[in-house]
Every structure is written in structure tokens, then in C-alpha cells.
N, C-alpha and C. Protein backbone atom coordinates (compact mmCIF):
# COMPACT_ATOMS: atom_id res chain seq x y z
N MET A 1 -9.91 12.26 -7.98
CA MET A 1 -10.13 13.03 -9.18
C MET A 1 -8.78 13.31 -9.84
N ALA A 2 -8.73 13.15 -11.15
CA ALA A 2 -7.50 13.40 -11.91
C ALA A 2 -7.15 14.88 -11.87
N VAL A 3 -5.83 15.14 -11.92
CA VAL A 3 -5.34 16.52 -11.94
C VAL A 3 -4.37 16.71 -13.10
N ILE A 4 -4.38 17.92 -13.63
CA ILE A 4 -3.45 18.33 -14.68
C ILE A 4 -2.37 19.15 -14.00
N ILE A 5 -1.13 18.80 -14.26
CA ILE A 5 0.01 19.48 -13.67
C ILE A 5 0.79 20.16 -14.78
N VAL A 6 1.04 21.45 -14.62
CA VAL A 6 1.76 22.22 -15.63
C VAL A 6 2.99 22.85 -14.98
N PHE A 7 4.16 22.48 -15.49
CA PHE A 7 5.42 23.08 -15.07
C PHE A 7 5.97 23.91 -16.22
N ASP A 8 6.15 25.20 -16.02
CA ASP A 8 6.93 26.02 -16.93
C ASP A 8 8.20 26.35 -16.17
N ILE A 9 9.35 25.97 -16.72
CA ILE A 9 10.62 26.09 -16.02
C ILE A 9 11.54 27.01 -16.81
N PRO A 10 11.48 28.32 -16.55
CA PRO A 10 12.37 29.25 -17.24
C PRO A 10 13.83 28.88 -16.96
N GLY A 11 14.61 28.78 -18.01
CA GLY A 11 16.02 28.43 -17.87
C GLY A 11 16.28 26.93 -17.80
N GLY A 12 15.22 26.11 -17.74
CA GLY A 12 15.39 24.66 -17.75
C GLY A 12 15.84 24.18 -19.12
N THR A 13 16.59 23.08 -19.14
CA THR A 13 17.12 22.59 -20.41
C THR A 13 16.78 21.12 -20.63
N GLN A 14 16.90 20.69 -21.86
CA GLN A 14 16.69 19.28 -22.18
C GLN A 14 17.73 18.42 -21.46
N ALA A 15 18.97 18.90 -21.38
CA ALA A 15 20.02 18.13 -20.70
C ALA A 15 19.67 17.91 -19.22
N GLN A 16 19.13 18.93 -18.56
CA GLN A 16 18.72 18.78 -17.16
C GLN A 16 17.56 17.80 -17.05
N TYR A 17 16.59 17.91 -17.95
CA TYR A 17 15.45 17.00 -17.96
C TYR A 17 15.93 15.56 -18.12
N GLU A 18 16.85 15.34 -19.07
CA GLU A 18 17.37 13.99 -19.30
C GLU A 18 18.14 13.48 -18.09
N GLU A 19 18.88 14.34 -17.42
CA GLU A 19 19.59 13.93 -16.21
C GLU A 19 18.61 13.49 -15.13
N VAL A 20 17.55 14.27 -14.94
CA VAL A 20 16.53 13.93 -13.93
C VAL A 20 15.86 12.60 -14.27
N THR A 21 15.44 12.44 -15.53
CA THR A 21 14.73 11.20 -15.88
C THR A 21 15.66 9.99 -15.84
N ASN A 22 16.93 10.16 -16.18
CA ASN A 22 17.87 9.05 -16.07
C ASN A 22 18.05 8.62 -14.63
N LYS A 23 18.17 9.58 -13.72
CA LYS A 23 18.28 9.25 -12.29
C LYS A 23 16.99 8.62 -11.78
N MET A 24 15.86 9.11 -12.26
CA MET A 24 14.57 8.62 -11.82
C MET A 24 14.38 7.14 -12.18
N THR A 25 14.96 6.73 -13.30
CA THR A 25 14.78 5.36 -13.77
C THR A 25 15.99 4.47 -13.46
N GLY A 26 16.90 4.97 -12.66
CA GLY A 26 18.07 4.17 -12.34
C GLY A 26 19.02 4.00 -13.51
N GLY A 27 19.04 4.98 -14.41
CA GLY A 27 19.97 4.95 -15.54
C GLY A 27 19.48 4.22 -16.77
N ARG A 28 18.17 3.98 -16.87
CA ARG A 28 17.63 3.26 -18.04
C ARG A 28 17.39 4.19 -19.23
N ALA A 29 18.03 5.34 -19.22
CA ALA A 29 17.96 6.27 -20.37
C ALA A 29 16.57 6.81 -20.64
N GLY A 30 15.98 7.44 -19.67
CA GLY A 30 14.74 8.15 -19.89
C GLY A 30 13.50 7.39 -19.51
N VAL A 31 12.38 8.06 -19.67
CA VAL A 31 11.08 7.50 -19.33
C VAL A 31 10.28 7.28 -20.60
N ARG A 32 9.75 6.10 -20.75
CA ARG A 32 9.00 5.77 -21.96
C ARG A 32 7.58 5.28 -21.67
N SER A 33 7.33 4.86 -20.42
CA SER A 33 5.98 4.42 -20.05
C SER A 33 5.72 4.81 -18.61
N SER A 34 4.45 4.77 -18.21
CA SER A 34 4.11 5.17 -16.85
C SER A 34 4.76 4.27 -15.81
N SER A 35 5.14 3.06 -16.19
CA SER A 35 5.81 2.16 -15.24
C SER A 35 7.24 2.62 -14.94
N ASP A 36 7.79 3.55 -15.73
CA ASP A 36 9.12 4.09 -15.47
C ASP A 36 9.12 5.09 -14.32
N TRP A 37 7.96 5.58 -13.94
CA TRP A 37 7.86 6.57 -12.86
C TRP A 37 8.07 5.87 -11.52
N PRO A 38 8.64 6.58 -10.54
CA PRO A 38 8.95 5.95 -9.26
C PRO A 38 7.74 5.74 -8.36
N VAL A 39 6.59 6.27 -8.73
CA VAL A 39 5.36 6.06 -7.96
C VAL A 39 4.22 5.81 -8.94
N PRO A 40 3.19 5.07 -8.53
CA PRO A 40 2.05 4.84 -9.43
C PRO A 40 1.15 6.07 -9.51
N GLY A 41 0.36 6.13 -10.57
CA GLY A 41 -0.66 7.16 -10.68
C GLY A 41 -0.54 8.08 -11.88
N LEU A 42 0.55 7.99 -12.63
CA LEU A 42 0.69 8.84 -13.81
C LEU A 42 -0.23 8.35 -14.92
N ILE A 43 -0.96 9.26 -15.52
CA ILE A 43 -1.82 8.92 -16.66
C ILE A 43 -1.13 9.28 -17.96
N THR A 44 -0.57 10.49 -18.03
CA THR A 44 0.13 10.91 -19.24
C THR A 44 1.19 11.96 -18.89
N HIS A 45 2.21 12.04 -19.74
CA HIS A 45 3.32 12.96 -19.53
C HIS A 45 3.81 13.46 -20.88
N CYS A 46 4.10 14.75 -20.96
CA CYS A 46 4.77 15.28 -22.14
C CYS A 46 5.69 16.40 -21.70
N ALA A 47 6.79 16.55 -22.42
CA ALA A 47 7.79 17.55 -22.07
C ALA A 47 8.46 18.06 -23.33
N GLY A 48 8.90 19.31 -23.29
CA GLY A 48 9.60 19.86 -24.44
C GLY A 48 10.09 21.26 -24.18
N PRO A 49 10.91 21.75 -25.11
CA PRO A 49 11.49 23.09 -24.94
C PRO A 49 10.48 24.18 -25.23
N THR A 50 10.72 25.32 -24.60
CA THR A 50 9.97 26.54 -24.87
C THR A 50 11.00 27.62 -25.24
N PRO A 51 10.56 28.76 -25.73
CA PRO A 51 11.53 29.82 -26.04
C PRO A 51 12.35 30.26 -24.82
N SER A 52 11.79 30.05 -23.61
CA SER A 52 12.50 30.53 -22.41
C SER A 52 12.99 29.42 -21.49
N GLY A 53 12.80 28.15 -21.87
CA GLY A 53 13.23 27.08 -20.97
C GLY A 53 12.64 25.73 -21.31
N TRP A 54 11.97 25.13 -20.32
CA TRP A 54 11.46 23.77 -20.46
C TRP A 54 10.03 23.72 -19.95
N HIS A 55 9.20 22.88 -20.56
CA HIS A 55 7.79 22.76 -20.19
C HIS A 55 7.44 21.29 -19.99
N VAL A 56 6.66 21.02 -18.95
CA VAL A 56 6.16 19.67 -18.68
C VAL A 56 4.68 19.77 -18.34
N THR A 57 3.88 18.91 -18.94
CA THR A 57 2.48 18.77 -18.58
C THR A 57 2.23 17.29 -18.29
N ASP A 58 1.67 17.03 -17.11
CA ASP A 58 1.31 15.68 -16.69
C ASP A 58 -0.16 15.63 -16.35
N VAL A 59 -0.71 14.44 -16.41
CA VAL A 59 -2.02 14.16 -15.82
C VAL A 59 -1.79 13.03 -14.84
N TRP A 60 -2.21 13.23 -13.61
CA TRP A 60 -2.08 12.24 -12.54
C TRP A 60 -3.45 11.82 -12.06
N GLU A 61 -3.56 10.59 -11.56
CA GLU A 61 -4.84 10.07 -11.08
C GLU A 61 -5.40 10.91 -9.94
N SER A 62 -4.52 11.51 -9.13
CA SER A 62 -4.97 12.32 -8.01
C SER A 62 -3.87 13.28 -7.59
N LYS A 63 -4.25 14.27 -6.81
CA LYS A 63 -3.28 15.21 -6.26
C LYS A 63 -2.33 14.48 -5.31
N ASP A 64 -2.84 13.51 -4.56
CA ASP A 64 -1.99 12.73 -3.64
C ASP A 64 -0.92 11.95 -4.40
N ALA A 65 -1.28 11.34 -5.52
CA ALA A 65 -0.30 10.60 -6.32
C ALA A 65 0.78 11.55 -6.83
N PHE A 66 0.37 12.72 -7.29
CA PHE A 66 1.35 13.70 -7.75
C PHE A 66 2.26 14.12 -6.60
N GLN A 67 1.70 14.33 -5.43
CA GLN A 67 2.49 14.76 -4.28
C GLN A 67 3.54 13.72 -3.91
N ARG A 68 3.19 12.43 -4.01
CA ARG A 68 4.17 11.36 -3.76
C ARG A 68 5.30 11.43 -4.79
N PHE A 69 4.95 11.75 -6.02
CA PHE A 69 5.95 11.89 -7.06
C PHE A 69 6.89 13.08 -6.79
N VAL A 70 6.32 14.20 -6.36
CA VAL A 70 7.13 15.39 -6.08
C VAL A 70 8.19 15.09 -5.03
N GLU A 71 7.86 14.26 -4.06
CA GLU A 71 8.83 13.90 -3.02
C GLU A 71 10.06 13.22 -3.63
N LYS A 72 9.90 12.50 -4.71
CA LYS A 72 11.01 11.86 -5.42
C LYS A 72 11.66 12.84 -6.41
N LEU A 73 10.83 13.66 -7.05
CA LEU A 73 11.30 14.54 -8.12
C LEU A 73 12.13 15.72 -7.62
N ALA A 74 11.69 16.38 -6.58
CA ALA A 74 12.33 17.62 -6.13
C ALA A 74 13.84 17.47 -5.89
N PRO A 75 14.30 16.43 -5.16
CA PRO A 75 15.74 16.31 -4.96
C PRO A 75 16.51 16.06 -6.26
N LEU A 76 15.90 15.34 -7.20
CA LEU A 76 16.56 15.07 -8.47
C LEU A 76 16.70 16.34 -9.30
N MET A 77 15.66 17.18 -9.27
CA MET A 77 15.72 18.46 -9.99
C MET A 77 16.82 19.34 -9.39
N GLN A 78 16.90 19.35 -8.08
CA GLN A 78 17.93 20.16 -7.42
C GLN A 78 19.32 19.66 -7.78
N GLU A 79 19.53 18.34 -7.75
CA GLU A 79 20.83 17.76 -8.11
C GLU A 79 21.23 18.12 -9.53
N ALA A 80 20.26 18.19 -10.43
CA ALA A 80 20.53 18.49 -11.84
C ALA A 80 20.71 19.98 -12.09
N GLY A 81 20.49 20.80 -11.07
CA GLY A 81 20.61 22.25 -11.23
C GLY A 81 19.46 22.87 -11.99
N MET A 82 18.34 22.15 -12.06
CA MET A 82 17.18 22.68 -12.76
C MET A 82 16.55 23.79 -11.91
N PRO A 83 16.22 24.92 -12.53
CA PRO A 83 15.61 26.01 -11.77
C PRO A 83 14.33 25.57 -11.06
N GLN A 84 14.10 26.14 -9.89
CA GLN A 84 12.87 25.86 -9.15
C GLN A 84 11.67 26.38 -9.93
N ALA A 85 10.61 25.60 -9.94
CA ALA A 85 9.38 26.02 -10.61
C ALA A 85 8.20 25.48 -9.82
N GLU A 86 7.25 26.32 -9.57
CA GLU A 86 6.04 25.91 -8.84
C GLU A 86 5.02 25.43 -9.87
N PRO A 87 4.56 24.19 -9.74
CA PRO A 87 3.59 23.70 -10.73
C PRO A 87 2.22 24.35 -10.55
N LYS A 88 1.54 24.47 -11.65
CA LYS A 88 0.13 24.86 -11.61
C LYS A 88 -0.66 23.56 -11.62
N ILE A 89 -1.67 23.48 -10.77
CA ILE A 89 -2.45 22.25 -10.63
C ILE A 89 -3.91 22.58 -10.90
N TYR A 90 -4.50 21.81 -11.83
CA TYR A 90 -5.88 22.00 -12.21
C TYR A 90 -6.64 20.68 -12.11
N GLU A 91 -7.88 20.73 -11.65
CA GLU A 91 -8.71 19.52 -11.67
C GLU A 91 -9.06 19.21 -13.11
N ALA A 92 -8.98 17.95 -13.47
CA ALA A 92 -9.30 17.54 -14.84
C ALA A 92 -10.80 17.26 -14.95
N PHE A 93 -11.39 17.80 -15.97
CA PHE A 93 -12.79 17.54 -16.25
C PHE A 93 -12.93 16.31 -17.15
N ASN A 94 -12.01 16.18 -18.10
CA ASN A 94 -12.06 15.08 -19.06
C ASN A 94 -10.64 14.68 -19.42
N VAL A 95 -10.38 13.38 -19.42
CA VAL A 95 -9.06 12.88 -19.81
C VAL A 95 -9.27 11.76 -20.82
N VAL A 96 -8.65 11.90 -21.98
CA VAL A 96 -8.71 10.89 -23.02
C VAL A 96 -7.30 10.46 -23.33
N SER A 97 -7.04 9.17 -23.32
CA SER A 97 -5.72 8.68 -23.67
C SER A 97 -5.89 7.45 -24.55
N SER A 98 -4.86 7.16 -25.32
CA SER A 98 -4.99 6.03 -26.24
C SER A 98 -4.49 4.75 -25.61
């Protein structure tokens, strides 16, 4: 079952996000498609600034796929100095993508 992942990262910045995504892709300057992710299973991703930090919302094919991603993501976030944030995880009822 697909899951919706919501990260609100108070104090997170675009520079930290870009550092993480650059490391995640081996320096290919960010993520542009689901094939840029280090594990399969991403359906959609969006990220942007908030008044208090950084926000990311993903949809993953399953909680297990997301968990495999977190194993790659967590060390990169720590290296970039991005504040720790516990994601909220919701079961998806409907997912539409183009």
C-alpha cells in the first residue's frame, strides 16, 4: 500500500536540501526523476521552504520502500547539518500522478 510521507524540518534550508540531494545522486546536481533516488519505490516528491524551515512531501509505493530510503537519507542529512525531523506517515487512499 502506498504511503504519504511528510517532513517538516524547522531550521532546514534549501542549501542543506541541495547538499543532501547532490550527495544522494553522486554529484549530478539534484534530483529530477524517481530514477535519481538511491532505492526504488518513489512515486512523487516535492520540497520547498516554509516560514520556519524546509518541507518535503513524498509518496512511496510502500512503507518498506520508504524505510530503505531512510537508511540512505539519514546519514546524508546528518552530514549536511540538517536538523533531525521525524516524518509523519499516512496510508494513501488515492494517488494520481501524471
